[in-house]
Amino acid sequence: MTSAQQHIDAFLEMLGVERGAAANTIEAYRRDLDQYRTFLAGHDIDLVTAEPAHVSAWLAASSAAGLSASSRARGLSAVRQLYKFLLAEGHVAGDPTHGHTGPRKQRPLPKTLSVAEVDRLIGAAARRAETGEGIEHLRALRLHCLIEMLYATGMRVSELVSLPRSVLAGDARVLIIKGKGGRERLVPLNASARTALDRYLATTTGEGKVSSKWLFPSKSAQGHLTRQRFGNELKLLAEEAGFDGERVSPHVLRHAFASHLLDRGADLRSVQKLLGHADISTTEIYTHVLEERLKKLVHEHHPLAKRD
C-alpha cells in the first residue's frame, strides 16, 4: 500500500519533471503538504480516503494555530493540486477539497495624509520655492510644482514625471494623461497647481534655456525626472516639514487625493476615472472612507442615534 508520503513525493516529482517547477516552489509545496499530512495522521485519517469535513477541520486548525490568511490559502491550493494529481492517477475516488474556498486576504488600507498634513507639506514646498538661487531654486520650484500637480490630479508618479511638454497645449484647466495600457483620461488642474506650474515654467523656458520634450527634464537615462529622485526629494521635504519621512511618498499623495475627494462627497465612479483605474474593484480599496462618512452622517442626523 502506498503511503501518504509516497503520494506526496510522486506529486512533487511530477511538478519538477513535467511542469518544470522551481526548487523553491517545490519546497513550498512540500512544507504545506507535510503540514496537511501531519494533521491527517494525528487524527488517524488516510490521505486517499480523506473527506471534505476533514479538509474543513484542517483549515480550522490552521486558523486556530495562527497561520495567516495568505498561508492558509497557499496551503489549500497545494492540497487541491495534490488531489487533482491523485484523481488523475486513479488513487482517489473524489477530491475532498471541492467546494472549499481559501480565506480571503484583507487588503491593507492605503496609507494617506489628512488635509491639514497635505497643506503643511505644500506650505513647506512653497516656502522653499521662495528662497535660494540657481539650480537649487529651480529644484525647489520643480518640487513645489510636482506636489501641487500630484495632489490636484491624483496622477500615478510614473505618469507625472514622464509628462511631455506637449501636455500643456489646449485648455489650461485640464491635462490629457496617457496612463496604463495607453488609455487617455482628462484630469483637472486647479488654480494653485497651475500657478506653481507657471512659476516653474518661467524658469525653464525662454531665450537661452535648453529645450526638452519633457515637462520635467533630467540627465537621467530616460531624459526626465525619475520616480526615485522625486520620492527622495519628497521625503527630505517631509522631514523638513516635521513629518516622519517614511510616511510620505508620491503614492501616499495619490491616496490622499482619492480619500479626500470621497470624504467630501465624490462618487466612486468619478474617482475611478480620475485615478485611471480600469476596474472599479481597484478603487474600492477607498470604500473605508465612504463607510466612515456614512457612519458619521447617521450618527449626526438620525433621530435615534444620540438616544441613551
C-alpha atoms as a PDB file:
ATOM      1  CA  MET A   1       0.000   0.000   0.000  1.00  0.00           C
ATOM      2  CA  THR A   2       1.334   3.409  -0.988  1.00  0.00           C
ATOM      3  CA  SER A   3       1.882   5.720   1.951  1.00  0.00           C
ATOM      4  CA  ALA A   4       0.776   9.341   2.124  1.00  0.00           C
ATOM      5  CA  GLN A   5       4.430  10.430   1.945  1.00  0.00           C
ATOM      6  CA  GLN A   6       4.977   8.400  -1.219  1.00  0.00           C
ATOM      7  CA  HIS A   7       1.945  10.006  -2.858  1.00  0.00           C
ATOM      8  CA  ILE A   8       3.264  13.464  -1.949  1.00  0.00           C
ATOM      9  CA  ASP A   9       6.751  12.612  -3.238  1.00  0.00           C
ATOM     10  CA  ALA A  10       5.293  11.395  -6.538  1.00  0.00           C
ATOM     11  CA  PHE A  11       3.298  14.613  -6.883  1.00  0.00           C
ATOM     12  CA  LEU A  12       6.332  16.787  -6.160  1.00  0.00           C
ATOM     13  CA  GLU A  13       8.409  14.799  -8.650  1.00  0.00           C
ATOM     14  CA  MET A  14       5.723  15.453 -11.277  1.00  0.00           C
ATOM     15  CA  LEU A  15       5.870  19.186 -10.525  1.00  0.00           C
ATOM     16  CA  GLY A  16       9.594  19.230 -11.168  1.00  0.00           C
ATOM     17  CA  VAL A  17       9.776  16.909 -14.166  1.00  0.00           C
ATOM     18  CA  GLU A  18       6.578  17.639 -16.090  1.00  0.00           C
ATOM     19  CA  ARG A  19       5.825  21.227 -15.094  1.00  0.00           C
ATOM     20  CA  GLY A  20       9.368  22.420 -14.578  1.00  0.00           C
ATOM     21  CA  ALA A  21       8.583  23.952 -11.178  1.00  0.00           C
ATOM     22  CA  ALA A  22      11.466  25.733  -9.495  1.00  0.00           C
ATOM     23  CA  ALA A  23      13.159  24.201  -6.468  1.00  0.00           C
ATOM     24  CA  ASN A  24      11.798  26.922  -4.161  1.00  0.00           C
ATOM     25  CA  THR A  25       8.268  26.282  -5.415  1.00  0.00           C
ATOM     26  CA  ILE A  26       8.578  22.556  -4.803  1.00  0.00           C
ATOM     27  CA  GLU A  27       9.904  23.174  -1.293  1.00  0.00           C
ATOM     28  CA  ALA A  28       6.956  25.477  -0.530  1.00  0.00           C
ATOM     29  CA  TYR A  29       4.550  22.761  -1.706  1.00  0.00           C
ATOM     30  CA  ARG A  30       6.398  20.203   0.390  1.00  0.00           C
ATOM     31  CA  ARG A  31       6.065  22.260   3.585  1.00  0.00           C
ATOM     32  CA  ASP A  32       2.344  22.838   3.089  1.00  0.00           C
ATOM     33  CA  LEU A  33       1.643  19.202   2.205  1.00  0.00           C
ATOM     34  CA  ASP A  34       3.709  17.923   5.141  1.00  0.00           C
ATOM     35  CA  GLN A  35       1.600  20.089   7.439  1.00  0.00           C
ATOM     36  CA  TYR A  36      -1.582  18.625   5.929  1.00  0.00           C
ATOM     37  CA  ARG A  37      -0.236  15.045   6.123  1.00  0.00           C
ATOM     38  CA  THR A  38       0.772  15.531   9.767  1.00  0.00           C
ATOM     39  CA  PHE A  39      -2.706  16.796  10.628  1.00  0.00           C
ATOM     40  CA  LEU A  40      -4.375  13.790   8.960  1.00  0.00           C
ATOM     41  CA  ALA A  41      -2.000  11.328  10.642  1.00  0.00           C
ATOM     42  CA  GLY A  42      -2.714  12.898  14.029  1.00  0.00           C
ATOM     43  CA  HIS A  43      -6.431  12.143  13.540  1.00  0.00           C
ATOM     44  CA  ASP A  44      -5.931   8.651  12.033  1.00  0.00           C
ATOM     45  CA  ILE A  45      -7.194   9.816   8.631  1.00  0.00           C
ATOM     46  CA  ASP A  46      -5.714   8.364   5.465  1.00  0.00           C
ATOM     47  CA  LEU A  47      -4.746  10.774   2.701  1.00  0.00           C
ATOM     48  CA  VAL A  48      -6.630   8.915  -0.026  1.00  0.00           C
ATOM     49  CA  THR A  49      -9.830   8.474   1.990  1.00  0.00           C
ATOM     50  CA  ALA A  50      -9.998  11.992   3.456  1.00  0.00           C
ATOM     51  CA  GLU A  51     -13.381  13.691   3.132  1.00  0.00           C
ATOM     52  CA  PRO A  52     -14.419  17.359   2.765  1.00  0.00           C
ATOM     53  CA  ALA A  53     -15.115  17.544   6.512  1.00  0.00           C
ATOM     54  CA  HIS A  54     -11.506  16.574   7.204  1.00  0.00           C
ATOM     55  CA  VAL A  55     -10.234  19.348   4.934  1.00  0.00           C
ATOM     56  CA  SER A  56     -12.518  21.791   6.759  1.00  0.00           C
ATOM     57  CA  ALA A  57     -11.144  20.628  10.099  1.00  0.00           C
ATOM     58  CA  TRP A  58      -7.583  21.068   8.870  1.00  0.00           C
ATOM     59  CA  LEU A  59      -8.297  24.614   7.687  1.00  0.00           C
ATOM     60  CA  ALA A  60      -9.932  25.436  11.027  1.00  0.00           C
ATOM     61  CA  ALA A  61      -6.943  24.034  12.918  1.00  0.00           C
ATOM     62  CA  SER A  62      -4.568  26.066  10.745  1.00  0.00           C
ATOM     63  CA  SER A  63      -6.507  29.212  11.560  1.00  0.00           C
ATOM     64  CA  ALA A  64      -6.548  28.419  15.283  1.00  0.00           C
ATOM     65  CA  ALA A  65      -2.779  27.871  15.145  1.00  0.00           C
ATOM     66  CA  GLY A  66      -2.379  31.452  13.970  1.00  0.00           C
ATOM     67  CA  LEU A  67      -1.478  30.871  10.327  1.00  0.00           C
ATOM     68  CA  SER A  68      -2.103  33.957   8.213  1.00  0.00           C
ATOM     69  CA  ALA A  69      -4.847  34.050   5.596  1.00  0.00           C
ATOM     70  CA  SER A  70      -2.252  34.007   2.824  1.00  0.00           C
ATOM     71  CA  SER A  71      -0.520  30.936   4.318  1.00  0.00           C
ATOM     72  CA  ARG A  72      -3.826  29.080   4.640  1.00  0.00           C
ATOM     73  CA  ALA A  73      -4.826  29.988   1.096  1.00  0.00           C
ATOM     74  CA  ARG A  74      -1.476  28.775  -0.228  1.00  0.00           C
ATOM     75  CA  GLY A  75      -1.779  25.541   1.748  1.00  0.00           C
ATOM     76  CA  LEU A  76      -5.259  24.829   0.398  1.00  0.00           C
ATOM     77  CA  SER A  77      -4.011  25.446  -3.130  1.00  0.00           C
ATOM     78  CA  ALA A  78      -1.197  22.919  -2.610  1.00  0.00           C
ATOM     79  CA  VAL A  79      -3.577  20.292  -1.230  1.00  0.00           C
ATOM     80  CA  ARG A  80      -6.026  20.911  -4.085  1.00  0.00           C
ATOM     81  CA  GLN A  81      -3.253  20.388  -6.647  1.00  0.00           C
ATOM     82  CA  LEU A  82      -2.217  17.189  -4.883  1.00  0.00           C
ATOM     83  CA  TYR A  83      -5.720  15.728  -5.069  1.00  0.00           C
ATOM     84  CA  LYS A  84      -6.068  16.689  -8.758  1.00  0.00           C
ATOM     85  CA  PHE A  85      -2.915  14.688  -9.362  1.00  0.00           C
ATOM     86  CA  LEU A  86      -4.126  11.722  -7.294  1.00  0.00           C
ATOM     87  CA  LEU A  87      -7.511  11.791  -9.045  1.00  0.00           C
ATOM     88  CA  ALA A  88      -5.862  11.780 -12.472  1.00  0.00           C
ATOM     89  CA  GLU A  89      -3.671   8.850 -11.399  1.00  0.00           C
ATOM     90  CA  GLY A  90      -6.675   6.891 -10.104  1.00  0.00           C
ATOM     91  CA  HIS A  91      -5.566   6.862  -6.463  1.00  0.00           C
ATOM     92  CA  VAL A  92      -8.649   8.642  -5.082  1.00  0.00           C
ATOM     93  CA  ALA A  93     -12.338   8.444  -5.932  1.00  0.00           C
ATOM     94  CA  GLY A  94     -13.009  12.139  -5.443  1.00  0.00           C
ATOM     95  CA  ASP A  95     -11.488  15.470  -4.483  1.00  0.00           C
ATOM     96  CA  PRO A  96     -12.185  16.365  -0.830  1.00  0.00           C
ATOM     97  CA  THR A  97     -11.110  19.966  -1.441  1.00  0.00           C
ATOM     98  CA  HIS A  98     -14.035  20.508  -3.817  1.00  0.00           C
ATOM     99  CA  GLY A  99     -16.285  23.302  -2.568  1.00  0.00           C
ATOM    100  CA  HIS A 100     -13.654  24.787  -0.283  1.00  0.00           C
ATOM    101  CA  THR A 101     -12.562  28.351  -0.903  1.00  0.00           C
ATOM    102  CA  GLY A 102      -9.414  29.825   0.507  1.00  0.00           C
ATOM    103  CA  PRO A 103      -9.602  32.541   3.161  1.00  0.00           C
ATOM    104  CA  ARG A 104      -9.800  35.975   1.610  1.00  0.00           C
ATOM    105  CA  LYS A 105      -6.799  38.167   2.256  1.00  0.00           C
ATOM    106  CA  GLN A 106      -7.784  41.533   3.636  1.00  0.00           C
ATOM    107  CA  ARG A 107      -6.379  44.326   1.552  1.00  0.00           C
ATOM    108  CA  PRO A 108      -4.447  46.763   3.705  1.00  0.00           C
ATOM    109  CA  LEU A 109      -5.902  50.235   3.918  1.00  0.00           C
ATOM    110  CA  PRO A 110      -3.931  52.726   1.865  1.00  0.00           C
ATOM    111  CA  LYS A 111      -1.567  54.987   3.757  1.00  0.00           C
ATOM    112  CA  THR A 112      -2.657  58.574   3.450  1.00  0.00           C
ATOM    113  CA  LEU A 113      -2.385  62.041   4.976  1.00  0.00           C
ATOM    114  CA  SER A 114      -5.019  64.339   6.418  1.00  0.00           C
ATOM    115  CA  VAL A 115      -5.984  67.543   4.615  1.00  0.00           C
ATOM    116  CA  ALA A 116      -4.100  69.544   7.241  1.00  0.00           C
ATOM    117  CA  GLU A 117      -0.975  67.432   6.751  1.00  0.00           C
ATOM    118  CA  VAL A 118      -1.084  67.872   2.978  1.00  0.00           C
ATOM    119  CA  ASP A 119      -1.480  71.632   3.484  1.00  0.00           C
ATOM    120  CA  ARG A 120       1.552  71.591   5.756  1.00  0.00           C
ATOM    121  CA  LEU A 121       3.602  69.717   3.184  1.00  0.00           C
ATOM    122  CA  ILE A 122       2.580  72.025   0.342  1.00  0.00           C
ATOM    123  CA  GLY A 123       3.297  75.030   2.566  1.00  0.00           C
ATOM    124  CA  ALA A 124       6.819  73.774   3.215  1.00  0.00           C
ATOM    125  CA  ALA A 125       7.371  73.310  -0.530  1.00  0.00           C
ATOM    126  CA  ALA A 126       6.052  76.814  -1.260  1.00  0.00           C
ATOM    127  CA  ARG A 127       8.327  78.403   1.345  1.00  0.00           C
ATOM    128  CA  ARG A 128      11.350  76.594  -0.008  1.00  0.00           C
ATOM    129  CA  ALA A 129      10.466  77.811  -3.529  1.00  0.00           C
ATOM    130  CA  GLU A 130      10.628  81.419  -2.282  1.00  0.00           C
ATOM    131  CA  THR A 131      14.289  81.176  -1.374  1.00  0.00           C
ATOM    132  CA  GLY A 132      17.542  80.075  -2.941  1.00  0.00           C
ATOM    133  CA  GLU A 133      19.029  80.746  -6.339  1.00  0.00           C
ATOM    134  CA  GLY A 134      20.358  78.958  -9.371  1.00  0.00           C
ATOM    135  CA  ILE A 135      19.849  75.222  -9.648  1.00  0.00           C
ATOM    136  CA  GLU A 136      18.627  74.886  -6.052  1.00  0.00           C
ATOM    137  CA  HIS A 137      15.880  77.444  -6.685  1.00  0.00           C
ATOM    138  CA  LEU A 138      14.858  75.605  -9.859  1.00  0.00           C
ATOM    139  CA  ARG A 139      14.667  72.312  -7.974  1.00  0.00           C
ATOM    140  CA  ALA A 140      12.561  73.927  -5.261  1.00  0.00           C
ATOM    141  CA  LEU A 141      10.159  75.338  -7.846  1.00  0.00           C
ATOM    142  CA  ARG A 142      10.008  71.946  -9.544  1.00  0.00           C
ATOM    143  CA  LEU A 143       9.270  70.117  -6.300  1.00  0.00           C
ATOM    144  CA  HIS A 144       6.522  72.579  -5.367  1.00  0.00           C
ATOM    145  CA  CYS A 145       5.017  72.171  -8.841  1.00  0.00           C
ATOM    146  CA  LEU A 146       5.190  68.362  -8.662  1.00  0.00           C
ATOM    147  CA  ILE A 147       3.462  68.213  -5.270  1.00  0.00           C
ATOM    148  CA  GLU A 148       0.724  70.659  -6.279  1.00  0.00           C
ATOM    149  CA  MET A 149       0.067  68.767  -9.518  1.00  0.00           C
ATOM    150  CA  LEU A 150       0.109  65.354  -7.867  1.00  0.00           C
ATOM    151  CA  TYR A 151      -2.385  66.339  -5.173  1.00  0.00           C
ATOM    152  CA  ALA A 152      -4.570  68.223  -7.690  1.00  0.00           C
ATOM    153  CA  THR A 153      -4.792  65.354 -10.178  1.00  0.00           C
ATOM    154  CA  GLY A 154      -4.090  62.072  -8.372  1.00  0.00           C
ATOM    155  CA  MET A 155      -1.758  61.003 -11.159  1.00  0.00           C
ATOM    156  CA  ARG A 156       0.496  57.994 -10.801  1.00  0.00           C
ATOM    157  CA  VAL A 157       4.037  59.155 -10.088  1.00  0.00           C
ATOM    158  CA  SER A 158       5.234  57.480 -13.296  1.00  0.00           C
ATOM    159  CA  GLU A 159       2.647  59.471 -15.261  1.00  0.00           C
ATOM    160  CA  LEU A 160       3.641  62.726 -13.595  1.00  0.00           C
ATOM    161  CA  VAL A 161       7.410  62.608 -14.011  1.00  0.00           C
ATOM    162  CA  SER A 162       7.137  61.482 -17.648  1.00  0.00           C
ATOM    163  CA  LEU A 163       4.688  64.173 -18.764  1.00  0.00           C
ATOM    164  CA  PRO A 164       5.638  65.510 -22.213  1.00  0.00           C
ATOM    165  CA  ARG A 165       5.744  69.278 -22.633  1.00  0.00           C
ATOM    166  CA  SER A 166       3.032  68.891 -25.280  1.00  0.00           C
ATOM    167  CA  VAL A 167       0.561  68.161 -22.473  1.00  0.00           C
ATOM    168  CA  LEU A 168       0.384  71.915 -21.908  1.00  0.00           C
ATOM    169  CA  ALA A 169      -1.316  72.515 -25.254  1.00  0.00           C
ATOM    170  CA  GLY A 170      -5.036  73.180 -25.092  1.00  0.00           C
ATOM    171  CA  ASP A 171      -7.221  74.067 -22.124  1.00  0.00           C
ATOM    172  CA  ALA A 172      -5.058  75.201 -19.207  1.00  0.00           C
ATOM    173  CA  ARG A 173      -7.625  73.865 -16.728  1.00  0.00           C
ATOM    174  CA  VAL A 174      -7.176  70.199 -17.687  1.00  0.00           C
ATOM    175  CA  LEU A 175      -4.427  67.823 -18.714  1.00  0.00           C
ATOM    176  CA  ILE A 176      -4.739  64.836 -21.031  1.00  0.00           C
ATOM    177  CA  ILE A 177      -2.860  61.985 -19.375  1.00  0.00           C
ATOM    178  CA  LYS A 178      -1.804  58.765 -21.069  1.00  0.00           C
ATOM    179  CA  GLY A 179      -1.938  56.044 -18.427  1.00  0.00           C
ATOM    180  CA  LYS A 180      -1.636  52.274 -18.245  1.00  0.00           C
ATOM    181  CA  GLY A 181      -2.404  50.421 -21.441  1.00  0.00           C
ATOM    182  CA  GLY A 182      -2.149  53.668 -23.389  1.00  0.00           C
ATOM    183  CA  ARG A 183      -5.552  54.771 -22.091  1.00  0.00           C
ATOM    184  CA  GLU A 184      -6.060  58.534 -22.087  1.00  0.00           C
ATOM    185  CA  ARG A 185      -8.007  60.481 -19.474  1.00  0.00           C
ATOM    186  CA  LEU A 186      -8.686  64.074 -18.536  1.00  0.00           C
ATOM    187  CA  VAL A 187      -7.565  65.327 -15.130  1.00  0.00           C
ATOM    188  CA  PRO A 188      -8.324  68.782 -13.700  1.00  0.00           C
ATOM    189  CA  LEU A 189      -5.622  71.258 -12.784  1.00  0.00           C
ATOM    190  CA  ASN A 190      -6.683  73.636 -10.015  1.00  0.00           C
ATOM    191  CA  ALA A 191      -5.583  77.261  -9.677  1.00  0.00           C
ATOM    192  CA  SER A 192      -2.805  76.652  -7.136  1.00  0.00           C
ATOM    193  CA  ALA A 193      -1.321  73.832  -9.215  1.00  0.00           C
ATOM    194  CA  ARG A 194      -1.452  75.972 -12.333  1.00  0.00           C
ATOM    195  CA  THR A 195       0.246  78.869 -10.524  1.00  0.00           C
ATOM    196  CA  ALA A 196       3.049  76.589  -9.294  1.00  0.00           C
ATOM    197  CA  LEU A 197       3.398  75.176 -12.827  1.00  0.00           C
ATOM    198  CA  ASP A 198       3.591  78.656 -14.376  1.00  0.00           C
ATOM    199  CA  ARG A 199       6.308  79.721 -11.891  1.00  0.00           C
ATOM    200  CA  TYR A 200       8.300  76.596 -12.676  1.00  0.00           C
ATOM    201  CA  LEU A 201       7.872  77.041 -16.441  1.00  0.00           C
ATOM    202  CA  ALA A 202       9.034  80.656 -16.234  1.00  0.00           C
ATOM    203  CA  THR A 203      12.468  79.405 -15.155  1.00  0.00           C
ATOM    204  CA  THR A 204      12.750  76.626 -17.752  1.00  0.00           C
ATOM    205  CA  THR A 205      11.521  78.272 -20.934  1.00  0.00           C
ATOM    206  CA  GLY A 206      12.566  81.272 -22.926  1.00  0.00           C
ATOM    207  CA  GLU A 207      15.688  82.542 -24.643  1.00  0.00           C
ATOM    208  CA  GLY A 208      18.843  80.704 -23.730  1.00  0.00           C
ATOM    209  CA  LYS A 209      17.002  77.824 -21.983  1.00  0.00           C
ATOM    210  CA  VAL A 210      17.668  74.217 -23.018  1.00  0.00           C
ATOM    211  CA  SER A 211      14.627  72.828 -24.798  1.00  0.00           C
ATOM    212  CA  SER A 212      13.303  69.364 -23.967  1.00  0.00           C
ATOM    213  CA  LYS A 213      10.286  67.348 -24.954  1.00  0.00           C
ATOM    214  CA  TRP A 214       9.740  66.544 -21.261  1.00  0.00           C
ATOM    215  CA  LEU A 215       7.973  68.805 -18.787  1.00  0.00           C
ATOM    216  CA  PHE A 216      10.403  67.746 -16.038  1.00  0.00           C
ATOM    217  CA  PRO A 217      13.689  67.116 -17.915  1.00  0.00           C
ATOM    218  CA  SER A 218      16.650  65.491 -16.249  1.00  0.00           C
ATOM    219  CA  LYS A 219      20.026  63.997 -17.088  1.00  0.00           C
ATOM    220  CA  SER A 220      18.667  60.513 -16.360  1.00  0.00           C
ATOM    221  CA  ALA A 221      18.739  57.767 -18.983  1.00  0.00           C
ATOM    222  CA  GLN A 222      15.042  58.384 -19.650  1.00  0.00           C
ATOM    223  CA  GLY A 223      15.588  62.097 -20.169  1.00  0.00           C
ATOM    224  CA  HIS A 224      13.102  63.071 -17.483  1.00  0.00           C
ATOM    225  CA  LEU A 225      12.974  63.169 -13.705  1.00  0.00           C
ATOM    226  CA  THR A 226      12.904  59.675 -12.210  1.00  0.00           C
ATOM    227  CA  ARG A 227      10.338  58.376  -9.723  1.00  0.00           C
ATOM    228  CA  GLN A 228      13.118  57.576  -7.294  1.00  0.00           C
ATOM    229  CA  ARG A 229      14.566  61.104  -7.380  1.00  0.00           C
ATOM    230  CA  PHE A 230      11.147  62.670  -6.844  1.00  0.00           C
ATOM    231  CA  GLY A 231      10.448  60.243  -3.990  1.00  0.00           C
ATOM    232  CA  ASN A 232      13.735  61.082  -2.276  1.00  0.00           C
ATOM    233  CA  GLU A 233      13.192  64.838  -2.604  1.00  0.00           C
ATOM    234  CA  LEU A 234       9.670  64.455  -1.208  1.00  0.00           C
ATOM    235  CA  LYS A 235      10.907  62.524   1.834  1.00  0.00           C
ATOM    236  CA  LEU A 236      13.515  65.187   2.594  1.00  0.00           C
ATOM    237  CA  LEU A 237      10.864  67.892   2.324  1.00  0.00           C
ATOM    238  CA  ALA A 238       8.550  65.884   4.611  1.00  0.00           C
ATOM    239  CA  GLU A 239      11.261  65.694   7.266  1.00  0.00           C
ATOM    240  CA  GLU A 240      11.843  69.430   6.879  1.00  0.00           C
ATOM    241  CA  ALA A 241       8.099  69.932   7.479  1.00  0.00           C
ATOM    242  CA  GLY A 242       8.220  67.826  10.647  1.00  0.00           C
ATOM    243  CA  PHE A 243       6.921  64.512   9.262  1.00  0.00           C
ATOM    244  CA  ASP A 244       8.372  61.049   9.506  1.00  0.00           C
ATOM    245  CA  GLY A 245       9.836  60.761   6.011  1.00  0.00           C
ATOM    246  CA  GLU A 246       8.662  57.152   5.736  1.00  0.00           C
ATOM    247  CA  ARG A 247       5.034  58.311   5.956  1.00  0.00           C
ATOM    248  CA  VAL A 248       5.253  60.425   2.823  1.00  0.00           C
ATOM    249  CA  SER A 249       5.682  59.294  -0.778  1.00  0.00           C
ATOM    250  CA  PRO A 250       4.204  60.196  -4.160  1.00  0.00           C
ATOM    251  CA  HIS A 251       1.819  57.256  -3.841  1.00  0.00           C
ATOM    252  CA  VAL A 252       0.642  58.475  -0.434  1.00  0.00           C
ATOM    253  CA  LEU A 253      -0.296  61.811  -2.031  1.00  0.00           C
ATOM    254  CA  ARG A 254      -2.254  59.933  -4.697  1.00  0.00           C
ATOM    255  CA  HIS A 255      -4.094  58.105  -1.909  1.00  0.00           C
ATOM    256  CA  ALA A 256      -4.747  61.419  -0.182  1.00  0.00           C
ATOM    257  CA  PHE A 257      -6.228  62.837  -3.396  1.00  0.00           C
ATOM    258  CA  ALA A 258      -8.699  59.939  -3.667  1.00  0.00           C
ATOM    259  CA  SER A 259      -9.538  59.745   0.040  1.00  0.00           C
ATOM    260  CA  HIS A 260     -10.186  63.473   0.378  1.00  0.00           C
ATOM    261  CA  LEU A 261     -12.443  63.527  -2.693  1.00  0.00           C
ATOM    262  CA  LEU A 262     -14.556  60.670  -1.359  1.00  0.00           C
ATOM    263  CA  ASP A 263     -14.681  62.218   2.093  1.00  0.00           C
ATOM    264  CA  ARG A 264     -16.195  65.335   0.572  1.00  0.00           C
ATOM    265  CA  GLY A 265     -18.907  63.574  -1.387  1.00  0.00           C
ATOM    266  CA  ALA A 266     -17.365  62.431  -4.670  1.00  0.00           C
ATOM    267  CA  ASP A 267     -18.752  59.160  -6.012  1.00  0.00           C
ATOM    268  CA  LEU A 268     -16.582  56.094  -6.524  1.00  0.00           C
ATOM    269  CA  ARG A 269     -17.042  56.019 -10.314  1.00  0.00           C
ATOM    270  CA  SER A 270     -15.760  59.576 -10.709  1.00  0.00           C
ATOM    271  CA  VAL A 271     -12.728  58.832  -8.545  1.00  0.00           C
ATOM    272  CA  GLN A 272     -12.104  55.675 -10.587  1.00  0.00           C
ATOM    273  CA  LYS A 273     -11.936  57.745 -13.780  1.00  0.00           C
ATOM    274  CA  LEU A 274      -9.695  60.385 -12.238  1.00  0.00           C
ATOM    275  CA  LEU A 275      -7.262  57.759 -10.936  1.00  0.00           C
ATOM    276  CA  GLY A 276      -7.238  55.906 -14.255  1.00  0.00           C
ATOM    277  CA  HIS A 277      -8.302  52.557 -12.790  1.00  0.00           C
ATOM    278  CA  ALA A 278      -9.533  50.172 -15.479  1.00  0.00           C
ATOM    279  CA  ASP A 279     -11.611  48.226 -12.938  1.00  0.00           C
ATOM    280  CA  ILE A 280     -13.648  49.816 -10.158  1.00  0.00           C
ATOM    281  CA  SER A 281     -12.664  46.959  -7.835  1.00  0.00           C
ATOM    282  CA  THR A 282      -9.224  48.599  -7.637  1.00  0.00           C
ATOM    283  CA  THR A 283     -10.820  51.856  -6.492  1.00  0.00           C
ATOM    284  CA  GLU A 284     -12.943  50.043  -3.899  1.00  0.00           C
ATOM    285  CA  ILE A 285      -9.988  49.967  -1.513  1.00  0.00           C
ATOM    286  CA  TYR A 286     -11.087  53.509  -0.639  1.00  0.00           C
ATOM    287  CA  THR A 287     -14.579  52.447   0.415  1.00  0.00           C
ATOM    288  CA  HIS A 288     -13.473  52.657   4.052  1.00  0.00           C
ATOM    289  CA  VAL A 289     -13.639  56.430   3.562  1.00  0.00           C
ATOM    290  CA  LEU A 290     -17.223  56.171   2.340  1.00  0.00           C
ATOM    291  CA  GLU A 291     -18.136  53.871   5.211  1.00  0.00           C
ATOM    292  CA  GLU A 292     -16.764  56.304   7.784  1.00  0.00           C
ATOM    293  CA  ARG A 293     -18.613  59.198   6.142  1.00  0.00           C
ATOM    294  CA  LEU A 294     -21.901  57.257   6.204  1.00  0.00           C
ATOM    295  CA  LYS A 295     -21.402  56.322   9.864  1.00  0.00           C
ATOM    296  CA  LYS A 296     -20.807  59.977  10.709  1.00  0.00           C
ATOM    297  CA  LEU A 297     -23.872  61.000   8.688  1.00  0.00           C
ATOM    298  CA  VAL A 298     -26.121  58.557  10.544  1.00  0.00           C
ATOM    299  CA  HIS A 299     -24.650  59.489  13.929  1.00  0.00           C
ATOM    300  CA  GLU A 300     -25.144  63.205  13.353  1.00  0.00           C
ATOM    301  CA  HIS A 301     -28.558  63.176  11.682  1.00  0.00           C
ATOM    302  CA  HIS A 302     -30.532  60.036  12.611  1.00  0.00           C
ATOM    303  CA  PRO A 303     -33.147  60.875  15.266  1.00  0.00           C
ATOM    304  CA  LEU A 304     -32.374  57.779  17.337  1.00  0.00           C
ATOM    305  CA  ALA A 305     -28.570  57.914  17.055  1.00  0.00           C
ATOM    306  CA  LYS A 306     -27.968  60.053  20.160  1.00  0.00           C
ATOM    307  CA  ARG A 307     -30.513  58.468  22.478  1.00  0.00           C
ATOM    308  CA  ASP A 308     -29.179  56.695  25.533  1.00  0.00           C
END
